[in-house]
C-alpha atoms as a PDB file:
ATOM      1  CA  MET A   1      -0.049  -0.210   0.234  1.00  0.00           C
ATOM      2  CA  ARG A   2       1.072   3.502  -1.037  1.00  0.00           C
ATOM      3  CA  SER A   3       1.966   5.713   1.680  1.00  0.00           C
ATOM      4  CA  GLN A   4       1.011   9.441   1.350  1.00  0.00           C
ATOM      5  CA  THR A   5       3.057  12.386   3.149  1.00  0.00           C
ATOM      6  CA  PRO A   6       0.379  13.846   5.527  1.00  0.00           C
ATOM      7  CA  ARG A   7      -0.236  17.465   4.723  1.00  0.00           C
ATOM      8  CA  ARG A   8      -0.829  19.096   8.334  1.00  0.00           C
ATOM      9  CA  PRO A   9       2.843  19.198   8.672  1.00  0.00           C
ATOM     10  CA  ARG A  10       3.600  21.064   5.975  1.00  0.00           C
ATOM     11  CA  ARG A  11       1.050  23.720   6.308  1.00  0.00           C
ATOM     12  CA  THR A  12       2.226  23.596   9.773  1.00  0.00           C
ATOM     13  CA  ARG A  13       6.042  24.637   8.702  1.00  0.00           C
ATOM     14  CA  LEU A  14       4.549  27.191   5.917  1.00  0.00           C
ATOM     15  CA  ALA A  15       2.724  29.009   8.889  1.00  0.00           C
ATOM     16  CA  VAL A  16       5.826  29.411  10.793  1.00  0.00           C
ATOM     17  CA  ALA A  17       7.714  30.257   7.912  1.00  0.00           C
ATOM     18  CA  GLY A  18       5.295  33.309   7.677  1.00  0.00           C
ATOM     19  CA  LEU A  19       4.626  33.900  11.236  1.00  0.00           C
ATOM     20  CA  ALA A  20       8.936  34.267  11.585  1.00  0.00           C
ATOM     21  CA  THR A  21       8.845  36.861   8.650  1.00  0.00           C
ATOM     22  CA  VAL A  22       6.223  38.830  10.245  1.00  0.00           C
ATOM     23  CA  VAL A  23       8.309  38.892  13.490  1.00  0.00           C
ATOM     24  CA  ALA A  24      11.745  39.514  11.535  1.00  0.00           C
ATOM     25  CA  LEU A  25       9.705  42.397   9.829  1.00  0.00           C
ATOM     26  CA  ALA A  26       8.545  43.959  12.704  1.00  0.00           C
ATOM     27  CA  LEU A  27      11.738  43.489  14.804  1.00  0.00           C
ATOM     28  CA  ALA A  28      13.686  45.062  11.719  1.00  0.00           C
ATOM     29  CA  GLY A  29      10.938  48.174  12.580  1.00  0.00           C
ATOM     30  CA  CYS A  30      12.344  48.435  15.985  1.00  0.00           C
ATOM     31  CA  SER A  31      15.857  48.265  15.682  1.00  0.00           C
ATOM     32  CA  PRO A  32      18.101  51.588  16.192  1.00  0.00           C
ATOM     33  CA  GLU A  33      19.142  52.067  12.458  1.00  0.00           C
ATOM     34  CA  VAL A  34      15.207  52.288  11.584  1.00  0.00           C
ATOM     35  CA  GLN A  35      13.698  53.869  14.539  1.00  0.00           C
ATOM     36  CA  ARG A  36      10.269  55.161  12.762  1.00  0.00           C
ATOM     37  CA  GLY A  37      10.142  52.918  10.018  1.00  0.00           C
ATOM     38  CA  TRP A  38      10.955  54.577   6.595  1.00  0.00           C
ATOM     39  CA  LEU A  39      10.601  58.076   8.401  1.00  0.00           C
ATOM     40  CA  PRO A  40      13.452  59.693   9.114  1.00  0.00           C
ATOM     41  CA  GLY A  41      14.500  60.628  12.559  1.00  0.00           C
ATOM     42  CA  ASP A  42      12.895  59.756  15.918  1.00  0.00           C
ATOM     43  CA  SER A  43      10.421  61.796  18.148  1.00  0.00           C
ATOM     44  CA  ALA A  44      13.365  62.365  20.647  1.00  0.00           C
ATOM     45  CA  ASN A  45      15.495  64.002  17.637  1.00  0.00           C
ATOM     46  CA  GLU A  46      13.596  65.754  14.946  1.00  0.00           C
ATOM     47  CA  ILE A  47      15.640  66.719  12.457  1.00  0.00           C
ATOM     48  CA  THR A  48      13.845  69.764  11.919  1.00  0.00           C
ATOM     49  CA  ASN A  49      10.966  72.081  13.798  1.00  0.00           C
ATOM     50  CA  GLN A  50       8.369  70.493  11.507  1.00  0.00           C
ATOM     51  CA  THR A  51       8.750  66.635  10.828  1.00  0.00           C
ATOM     52  CA  GLY A  52       7.521  65.906  14.184  1.00  0.00           C
ATOM     53  CA  ARG A  53       4.424  67.603  12.569  1.00  0.00           C
ATOM     54  CA  ILE A  54       4.428  65.954   9.733  1.00  0.00           C
ATOM     55  CA  THR A  55       5.157  62.592  11.184  1.00  0.00           C
ATOM     56  CA  ASN A  56       2.046  62.831  13.031  1.00  0.00           C
ATOM     57  CA  LEU A  57      -0.343  63.848  10.090  1.00  0.00           C
ATOM     58  CA  TRP A  58       1.110  60.889   8.035  1.00  0.00           C
ATOM     59  CA  VAL A  59       0.694  58.339  10.581  1.00  0.00           C
ATOM     60  CA  GLY A  60      -2.512  59.719  12.107  1.00  0.00           C
ATOM     61  CA  SER A  61      -3.802  59.305   8.149  1.00  0.00           C
ATOM     62  CA  TRP A  62      -2.454  55.581   7.771  1.00  0.00           C
ATOM     63  CA  VAL A  63      -4.011  54.662  11.237  1.00  0.00           C
ATOM     64  CA  ALA A  64      -7.442  55.742  10.303  1.00  0.00           C
ATOM     65  CA  ALA A  65      -7.212  54.555   6.799  1.00  0.00           C
ATOM     66  CA  LEU A  66      -6.461  51.161   8.366  1.00  0.00           C
ATOM     67  CA  LEU A  67      -9.337  51.342  10.731  1.00  0.00           C
ATOM     68  CA  VAL A  68     -11.559  52.177   8.127  1.00  0.00           C
ATOM     69  CA  GLY A  69      -9.890  49.439   5.574  1.00  0.00           C
ATOM     70  CA  ILE A  70     -10.558  46.565   8.568  1.00  0.00           C
ATOM     71  CA  LEU A  71     -14.307  47.481   9.530  1.00  0.00           C
ATOM     72  CA  THR A  72     -15.121  47.551   5.892  1.00  0.00           C
ATOM     73  CA  TRP A  73     -13.126  44.228   5.540  1.00  0.00           C
ATOM     74  CA  GLY A  74     -14.735  42.598   8.488  1.00  0.00           C
ATOM     75  CA  LEU A  75     -18.301  43.579   6.979  1.00  0.00           C
ATOM     76  CA  ILE A  76     -17.784  41.841   3.697  1.00  0.00           C
ATOM     77  CA  ILE A  77     -16.596  39.054   5.097  1.00  0.00           C
ATOM     78  CA  TRP A  78     -19.435  38.780   7.689  1.00  0.00           C
ATOM     79  CA  CYS A  79     -21.948  39.252   4.926  1.00  0.00           C
ATOM     80  CA  VAL A  80     -20.389  36.596   2.647  1.00  0.00           C
ATOM     81  CA  ALA A  81     -20.076  34.134   5.833  1.00  0.00           C
ATOM     82  CA  VAL A  82     -23.590  34.610   7.415  1.00  0.00           C
ATOM     83  CA  TYR A  83     -25.830  35.393   4.083  1.00  0.00           C
ATOM     84  CA  ARG A  84     -24.206  32.844   1.534  1.00  0.00           C
ATOM     85  CA  LYS A  85     -26.591  30.864  -0.381  1.00  0.00           C
ATOM     86  CA  ARG A  86     -27.371  27.126   1.276  1.00  0.00           C
ATOM     87  CA  LYS A  87     -26.935  23.944  -0.707  1.00  0.00           C
ATOM     88  CA  ASP A  88     -31.249  23.430   0.196  1.00  0.00           C
ATOM     89  CA  ASP A  89     -31.952  27.579  -0.461  1.00  0.00           C
ATOM     90  CA  ASP A  90     -33.622  27.653  -4.005  1.00  0.00           C
ATOM     91  CA  GLN A  91     -35.308  30.880  -3.737  1.00  0.00           C
ATOM     92  CA  LEU A  92     -33.882  33.944  -4.406  1.00  0.00           C
ATOM     93  CA  PRO A  93     -33.145  36.502  -1.826  1.00  0.00           C
ATOM     94  CA  VAL A  94     -35.097  39.507  -2.082  1.00  0.00           C
ATOM     95  CA  GLN A  95     -34.069  41.942  -4.778  1.00  0.00           C
ATOM     96  CA  LEU A  96     -35.052  45.639  -3.281  1.00  0.00           C
ATOM     97  CA  ARG A  97     -35.110  46.266  -0.005  1.00  0.00           C
ATOM     98  CA  TYR A  98     -34.955  49.832   1.985  1.00  0.00           C
ATOM     99  CA  HIS A  99     -33.040  50.576   5.549  1.00  0.00           C
ATOM    100  CA  VAL A 100     -33.261  54.504   5.785  1.00  0.00           C
ATOM    101  CA  PRO A 101     -30.696  54.649   8.711  1.00  0.00           C
ATOM    102  CA  LEU A 102     -28.460  52.648   7.223  1.00  0.00           C
ATOM    103  CA  GLU A 103     -28.426  54.922   4.415  1.00  0.00           C
ATOM    104  CA  ILE A 104     -28.201  57.890   6.294  1.00  0.00           C
ATOM    105  CA  MET A 105     -25.022  56.840   7.721  1.00  0.00           C
ATOM    106  CA  TYR A 106     -23.472  55.774   4.564  1.00  0.00           C
ATOM    107  CA  VAL A 107     -23.757  59.693   3.620  1.00  0.00           C
ATOM    108  CA  ILE A 108     -23.224  60.752   7.068  1.00  0.00           C
ATOM    109  CA  LEU A 109     -19.957  58.804   8.124  1.00  0.00           C
ATOM    110  CA  PRO A 110     -18.104  59.831   4.893  1.00  0.00           C
ATOM    111  CA  ILE A 111     -18.495  63.237   5.265  1.00  0.00           C
ATOM    112  CA  ILE A 112     -17.421  63.474   8.827  1.00  0.00           C
ATOM    113  CA  MET A 113     -14.569  61.262   7.763  1.00  0.00           C
ATOM    114  CA  VAL A 114     -13.502  63.576   5.177  1.00  0.00           C
ATOM    115  CA  GLY A 115     -14.093  66.335   7.246  1.00  0.00           C
ATOM    116  CA  VAL A 116     -11.806  65.153  10.136  1.00  0.00           C
ATOM    117  CA  LEU A 117      -9.094  64.523   7.671  1.00  0.00           C
ATOM    118  CA  PHE A 118      -9.380  68.157   6.105  1.00  0.00           C
ATOM    119  CA  TYR A 119      -9.240  69.674   9.485  1.00  0.00           C
ATOM    120  CA  TYR A 120      -5.896  67.984  10.862  1.00  0.00           C
ATOM    121  CA  THR A 121      -4.714  68.609   7.122  1.00  0.00           C
ATOM    122  CA  ALA A 122      -5.624  72.504   6.939  1.00  0.00           C
ATOM    123  CA  ARG A 123      -4.383  72.859  10.455  1.00  0.00           C
ATOM    124  CA  ASP A 124      -0.836  71.532  10.243  1.00  0.00           C
ATOM    125  CA  MET A 125      -0.268  72.958   6.188  1.00  0.00           C
ATOM    126  CA  THR A 126      -0.582  75.976   7.238  1.00  0.00           C
ATOM    127  CA  GLU A 127       1.596  75.759  10.655  1.00  0.00           C
ATOM    128  CA  ILE A 128       3.916  74.424   8.107  1.00  0.00           C
ATOM    129  CA  GLN A 129       3.740  77.157   5.389  1.00  0.00           C
ATOM    130  CA  ASP A 130       3.517  79.722   7.835  1.00  0.00           C
ATOM    131  CA  THR A 131       6.308  82.728   6.561  1.00  0.00           C
ATOM    132  CA  SER A 132       5.621  85.087   8.798  1.00  0.00           C
ATOM    133  CA  ALA A 133       8.256  84.830  11.487  1.00  0.00           C
ATOM    134  CA  GLU A 134      11.463  86.626  10.983  1.00  0.00           C
ATOM    135  CA  PRO A 135      14.269  84.252   9.377  1.00  0.00           C
ATOM    136  CA  ASP A 136      17.666  84.555  10.861  1.00  0.00           C
ATOM    137  CA  LEU A 137      18.757  83.895   7.224  1.00  0.00           C
ATOM    138  CA  THR A 138      17.616  83.698   3.841  1.00  0.00           C
ATOM    139  CA  VAL A 139      18.778  81.105   1.016  1.00  0.00           C
ATOM    140  CA  GLN A 140      17.673  81.690  -2.758  1.00  0.00           C
ATOM    141  CA  VAL A 141      17.519  78.140  -4.580  1.00  0.00           C
ATOM    142  CA  ILE A 142      17.140  78.182  -8.110  1.00  0.00           C
ATOM    143  CA  GLY A 143      16.466  75.226  -9.756  1.00  0.00           C
ATOM    144  CA  LYS A 144      18.018  74.523 -13.396  1.00  0.00           C
ATOM    145  CA  GLN A 145      18.308  71.823 -15.775  1.00  0.00           C
ATOM    146  CA  TRP A 146      20.088  70.126 -14.444  1.00  0.00           C
ATOM    147  CA  SER A 147      21.681  71.206 -11.204  1.00  0.00           C
ATOM    148  CA  TRP A 148      21.092  73.749  -8.685  1.00  0.00           C
ATOM    149  CA  ASP A 149      22.447  77.725  -7.575  1.00  0.00           C
ATOM    150  CA  PHE A 150      22.348  78.704  -3.664  1.00  0.00           C
ATOM    151  CA  ASN A 151      22.220  82.161  -2.829  1.00  0.00           C
ATOM    152  CA  TYR A 152      23.100  82.991   0.946  1.00  0.00           C
ATOM    153  CA  VAL A 153      21.231  86.161   0.131  1.00  0.00           C
ATOM    154  CA  ASP A 154      22.273  87.791   3.948  1.00  0.00           C
ATOM    155  CA  ASP A 155      25.906  87.503   3.319  1.00  0.00           C
ATOM    156  CA  ASP A 156      25.927  87.839  -0.510  1.00  0.00           C
ATOM    157  CA  VAL A 157      27.426  84.777  -1.681  1.00  0.00           C
ATOM    158  CA  TYR A 158      26.600  82.295  -3.819  1.00  0.00           C
ATOM    159  CA  ASP A 159      27.386  78.536  -4.971  1.00  0.00           C
ATOM    160  CA  THR A 160      27.201  77.399  -8.296  1.00  0.00           C
ATOM    161  CA  GLY A 161      26.422  73.542  -9.267  1.00  0.00           C
ATOM    162  CA  GLN A 162      26.419  72.257 -12.856  1.00  0.00           C
ATOM    163  CA  HIS A 163      25.032  69.130 -14.857  1.00  0.00           C
ATOM    164  CA  ALA A 164      27.334  66.144 -13.780  1.00  0.00           C
ATOM    165  CA  GLN A 165      27.656  65.015 -17.757  1.00  0.00           C
ATOM    166  CA  ALA A 166      28.266  68.695 -18.854  1.00  0.00           C
ATOM    167  CA  VAL A 167      31.652  68.925 -17.008  1.00  0.00           C
ATOM    168  CA  GLY A 168      32.643  65.141 -17.853  1.00  0.00           C
ATOM    169  CA  ASN A 169      32.378  63.863 -14.099  1.00  0.00           C
ATOM    170  CA  THR A 170      30.444  60.592 -13.611  1.00  0.00           C
ATOM    171  CA  GLY A 171      27.647  62.170 -11.814  1.00  0.00           C
ATOM    172  CA  VAL A 172      28.360  60.610  -8.267  1.00  0.00           C
ATOM    173  CA  LEU A 173      27.042  62.732  -5.307  1.00  0.00           C
ATOM    174  CA  ALA A 174      30.075  63.783  -4.143  1.00  0.00           C
ATOM    175  CA  ASP A 175      30.687  65.978  -6.983  1.00  0.00           C
ATOM    176  CA  GLN A 176      27.146  67.625  -6.688  1.00  0.00           C
ATOM    177  CA  PRO A 177      26.875  71.249  -4.937  1.00  0.00           C
ATOM    178  CA  THR A 178      26.164  71.161  -1.126  1.00  0.00           C
ATOM    179  CA  LEU A 179      23.879  73.405   0.513  1.00  0.00           C
ATOM    180  CA  TYR A 180      25.151  74.758   4.344  1.00  0.00           C
ATOM    181  CA  LEU A 181      22.725  75.555   6.659  1.00  0.00           C
ATOM    182  CA  PRO A 182      23.077  76.365  10.161  1.00  0.00           C
ATOM    183  CA  VAL A 183      22.095  74.335  12.992  1.00  0.00           C
ATOM    184  CA  GLY A 184      18.917  76.019  15.427  1.00  0.00           C
ATOM    185  CA  GLN A 185      18.368  79.166  13.170  1.00  0.00           C
ATOM    186  CA  ARG A 186      15.552  79.921  11.034  1.00  0.00           C
ATOM    187  CA  VAL A 187      16.194  79.513   7.305  1.00  0.00           C
ATOM    188  CA  GLU A 188      13.822  81.072   4.586  1.00  0.00           C
ATOM    189  CA  PHE A 189      13.953  79.537   1.154  1.00  0.00           C
ATOM    190  CA  VAL A 190      13.269  81.304  -1.437  1.00  0.00           C
ATOM    191  CA  LEU A 191      12.207  79.263  -4.593  1.00  0.00           C
ATOM    192  CA  ASP A 192      12.756  80.166  -8.152  1.00  0.00           C
ATOM    193  CA  SER A 193      13.628  78.052 -11.578  1.00  0.00           C
ATOM    194  CA  ARG A 194      15.242  79.104 -14.831  1.00  0.00           C
ATOM    195  CA  ASP A 195      13.619  76.918 -17.154  1.00  0.00           C
ATOM    196  CA  VAL A 196      11.131  74.537 -16.378  1.00  0.00           C
ATOM    197  CA  ILE A 197       8.885  73.220 -13.337  1.00  0.00           C
ATOM    198  CA  HIS A 198      11.739  71.761 -10.538  1.00  0.00           C
ATOM    199  CA  SER A 199      10.689  70.747  -7.157  1.00  0.00           C
ATOM    200  CA  PHE A 200      13.063  71.270  -4.199  1.00  0.00           C
ATOM    201  CA  TRP A 201      13.290  68.323  -1.881  1.00  0.00           C
ATOM    202  CA  VAL A 202      15.489  67.190   0.786  1.00  0.00           C
ATOM    203  CA  PRO A 203      13.563  63.837   1.886  1.00  0.00           C
ATOM    204  CA  ALA A 204      15.109  64.018   5.564  1.00  0.00           C
ATOM    205  CA  PHE A 205      12.905  67.145   6.549  1.00  0.00           C
ATOM    206  CA  LEU A 206       9.626  65.654   5.035  1.00  0.00           C
ATOM    207  CA  TYR A 207       8.811  68.929   2.907  1.00  0.00           C
ATOM    208  CA  LYS A 208       9.070  69.707  -0.975  1.00  0.00           C
ATOM    209  CA  GLN A 209       8.174  72.425  -2.803  1.00  0.00           C
ATOM    210  CA  ASP A 210       7.585  73.458  -6.442  1.00  0.00           C
ATOM    211  CA  MET A 211       9.317  75.851  -8.239  1.00  0.00           C
ATOM    212  CA  VAL A 212       7.763  77.290 -11.203  1.00  0.00           C
ATOM    213  CA  PRO A 213       9.112  79.589 -13.746  1.00  0.00           C
ATOM    214  CA  GLY A 214       7.883  83.061 -13.129  1.00  0.00           C
ATOM    215  CA  ARG A 215       6.461  82.427  -9.698  1.00  0.00           C
ATOM    216  CA  THR A 216       8.527  82.667  -6.297  1.00  0.00           C
ATOM    217  CA  ASN A 217       7.755  80.250  -3.590  1.00  0.00           C
ATOM    218  CA  THR A 218       8.979  80.174  -0.049  1.00  0.00           C
ATOM    219  CA  PHE A 219       8.988  78.348   3.152  1.00  0.00           C
ATOM    220  CA  GLN A 220      10.939  78.205   6.716  1.00  0.00           C
ATOM    221  CA  VAL A 221      12.385  75.578   8.390  1.00  0.00           C
ATOM    222  CA  VAL A 222      14.784  74.960  11.728  1.00  0.00           C
ATOM    223  CA  PRO A 223      17.105  72.235  11.108  1.00  0.00           C
ATOM    224  CA  GLN A 224      17.677  70.932  14.760  1.00  0.00           C
ATOM    225  CA  VAL A 225      20.063  68.314  14.053  1.00  0.00           C
ATOM    226  CA  GLU A 226      23.574  68.331  12.641  1.00  0.00           C
ATOM    227  CA  GLY A 227      24.409  65.849   9.628  1.00  0.00           C
ATOM    228  CA  GLU A 228      24.456  65.417   6.158  1.00  0.00           C
ATOM    229  CA  TYR A 229      21.313  64.853   4.079  1.00  0.00           C
ATOM    230  CA  VAL A 230      20.690  64.443   0.341  1.00  0.00           C
ATOM    231  CA  GLY A 231      18.542  66.710  -1.757  1.00  0.00           C
ATOM    232  CA  LYS A 232      16.729  65.956  -5.112  1.00  0.00           C
ATOM    233  CA  CYS A 233      14.183  67.006  -7.523  1.00  0.00           C
ATOM    234  CA  ALA A 234      11.235  65.629  -7.070  1.00  0.00           C
ATOM    235  CA  GLU A 235       9.280  66.838 -10.404  1.00  0.00           C
ATOM    236  CA  LEU A 236      10.161  64.985 -13.826  1.00  0.00           C
ATOM    237  CA  CYS A 237      12.071  67.811 -15.380  1.00  0.00           C
ATOM    238  CA  GLY A 238      13.806  66.711 -18.549  1.00  0.00           C
ATOM    239  CA  GLU A 239      16.283  63.619 -19.845  1.00  0.00           C
ATOM    240  CA  GLU A 240      18.811  64.310 -17.145  1.00  0.00           C
ATOM    241  CA  HIS A 241      16.317  64.630 -13.959  1.00  0.00           C
ATOM    242  CA  SER A 242      17.601  61.501 -12.074  1.00  0.00           C
ATOM    243  CA  SER A 243      20.726  63.784 -12.052  1.00  0.00           C
ATOM    244  CA  MET A 244      19.636  66.678 -10.549  1.00  0.00           C
ATOM    245  CA  LEU A 245      20.960  65.780  -7.108  1.00  0.00           C
ATOM    246  CA  PHE A 246      22.366  68.040  -4.248  1.00  0.00           C
ATOM    247  CA  ASN A 247      23.837  67.782  -0.400  1.00  0.00           C
ATOM    248  CA  VAL A 248      22.547  69.316   2.569  1.00  0.00           C
ATOM    249  CA  LYS A 249      25.153  69.963   5.601  1.00  0.00           C
ATOM    250  CA  VAL A 250      23.734  70.961   8.798  1.00  0.00           C
ATOM    251  CA  VAL A 251      26.323  72.340  10.921  1.00  0.00           C
ATOM    252  CA  SER A 252      27.376  74.671  13.523  1.00  0.00           C
ATOM    253  CA  ALA A 253      27.220  78.779  13.565  1.00  0.00           C
ATOM    254  CA  GLU A 254      31.177  78.726  13.442  1.00  0.00           C
ATOM    255  CA  GLU A 255      31.501  76.355  10.761  1.00  0.00           C
ATOM    256  CA  TYR A 256      28.555  77.849   8.509  1.00  0.00           C
ATOM    257  CA  ALA A 257      30.800  81.067   8.932  1.00  0.00           C
ATOM    258  CA  GLU A 258      33.789  79.303   7.693  1.00  0.00           C
ATOM    259  CA  HIS A 259      32.064  77.952   4.537  1.00  0.00           C
ATOM    260  CA  ILE A 260      30.615  81.657   3.789  1.00  0.00           C
ATOM    261  CA  GLU A 261      34.154  82.987   4.020  1.00  0.00           C
ATOM    262  CA  SER A 262      35.579  80.161   1.824  1.00  0.00           C
ATOM    263  CA  LEU A 263      33.248  81.282  -0.934  1.00  0.00           C
ATOM    264  CA  ARG A 264      33.814  84.605  -0.352  1.00  0.00           C
ATOM    265  CA  ASP A 265      37.882  83.821  -0.778  1.00  0.00           C
ATOM    266  CA  ALA A 266      36.939  81.897  -3.654  1.00  0.00           C
ATOM    267  CA  GLY A 267      35.435  85.422  -5.459  1.00  0.00           C
ATOM    268  CA  GLN A 268      32.241  83.935  -5.250  1.00  0.00           C
ATOM    269  CA  GLU A 269      30.827  87.318  -4.098  1.00  0.00           C
ATOM    270  CA  GLY A 270      27.626  88.489  -5.312  1.00  0.00           C
ATOM    271  CA  GLN A 271      23.902  86.654  -6.452  1.00  0.00           C
ATOM    272  CA  LEU A 272      23.355  84.716  -9.593  1.00  0.00           C
ATOM    273  CA  GLY A 273      20.102  85.664 -11.379  1.00  0.00           C
ATOM    274  CA  LEU A 274      17.801  83.936 -13.316  1.00  0.00           C
ATOM    275  CA  GLU A 275      19.022  85.126 -16.590  1.00  0.00           C
ATOM    276  CA  TYR A 276      21.523  82.158 -17.071  1.00  0.00           C
ATOM    277  CA  ASN A 277      20.145  78.944 -18.930  1.00  0.00           C
ATOM    278  CA  ARG A 278      21.581  75.168 -18.356  1.00  0.00           C
ATOM    279  CA  LEU A 279      24.230  75.836 -20.236  1.00  0.00           C
ATOM    280  CA  GLN A 280      26.130  78.308 -17.913  1.00  0.00           C
ATOM    281  CA  ASP A 281      30.120  78.786 -17.257  1.00  0.00           C
ATOM    282  CA  ALA A 282      30.405  78.750 -13.798  1.00  0.00           C
ATOM    283  CA  ARG A 283      33.331  81.421 -14.802  1.00  0.00           C
ATOM    284  CA  ALA A 284      30.853  83.022 -16.512  1.00  0.00           C
ATOM    285  CA  ALA A 285      28.129  83.003 -13.937  1.00  0.00           C
ATOM    286  CA  GLY A 286      30.649  84.133 -11.543  1.00  0.00           C
ATOM    287  CA  GLU A 287      31.539  87.195 -13.542  1.00  0.00           C
ATOM    288  CA  GLY A 288      28.260  87.877 -13.969  1.00  0.00           C
ATOM    289  CA  ALA A 289      27.244  88.050 -10.540  1.00  0.00           C
ATOM    290  CA  ARG A 290      30.353  90.430  -9.637  1.00  0.00           C
ATOM    291  CA  GLU A 291      29.666  92.793 -12.475  1.00  0.00           C
ATOM    292  CA  SER A 292      26.132  92.940 -10.980  1.00  0.00           C
ATOM    293  CA  ALA A 293      27.203  93.229  -7.477  1.00  0.00           C
ATOM    294  CA  GLY A 294      29.651  95.970  -8.492  1.00  0.00           C
ATOM    295  CA  GLU A 295      26.704  97.542 -10.317  1.00  0.00           C
ATOM    296  CA  GLU A 296      24.599  97.874  -6.975  1.00  0.00           C
ATOM    297  CA  GLY A 297      27.434  99.193  -5.400  1.00  0.00           C
ATOM    298  CA  ASN A 298      28.070 102.098  -7.602  1.00  0.00           C
ATOM    299  CA  SER A 299      24.523 102.848  -7.251  1.00  0.00           C
END
């Protein structure tokens, strides 16, 4: 007689393997390297003054969506189980039936849910986009195909980047321009574009804003943790969009002052305007910025 392998042990092994996978993922989410899942930082060490607010809005929205999903899935499964067709049931169920209280709930409940979500979103977005406070310094960021210019407005110096392929390097992140920010100081970003729509995004800050030609956008942020971060363009802006990167260094006030002096010593004084295009030469851009600074000084 031919023996058959029992199925139960196999199912048990699969169940144990699945449970082990879930546990491993849960433990990975609690590790020190990933303290808030895929969100940067932790609640005791917020990278900016707004990351905690943004994280709470994000997590709260997902929790609400999960609760609604559980309720919806539960009702669907309950209806399938309780009202399924029996073997000895040859009659069709009632095809038309009214239940006014239930229909009212179907209308009122979604309106309340959307209203609550709108309230918290509007409250937090109003706070995040508020620029009424007096900034400690102003940085104008200019997007261009496919790099960035940074004007440190208060210090009247600039830093300029060129598209990696245009200058013959490989486009590694170390070759990209670096934006320096002093820790603990309120920075107002003034965002402009020279050509097409770009988007200024520092993922660790949990915030991005579009840069639209002919329109200036602003926002304020207070970096609270020293460190090195990565920035990028978050709006498809052409064939080399993926290489439109920059670095961000949040440093002490002393190191920030040293960087400003290094730009001044390199002759990068003045401000870069919006008249240059993506083929600009860094040397020509610097000469133009110094000429405009000299004209303002003579006037």
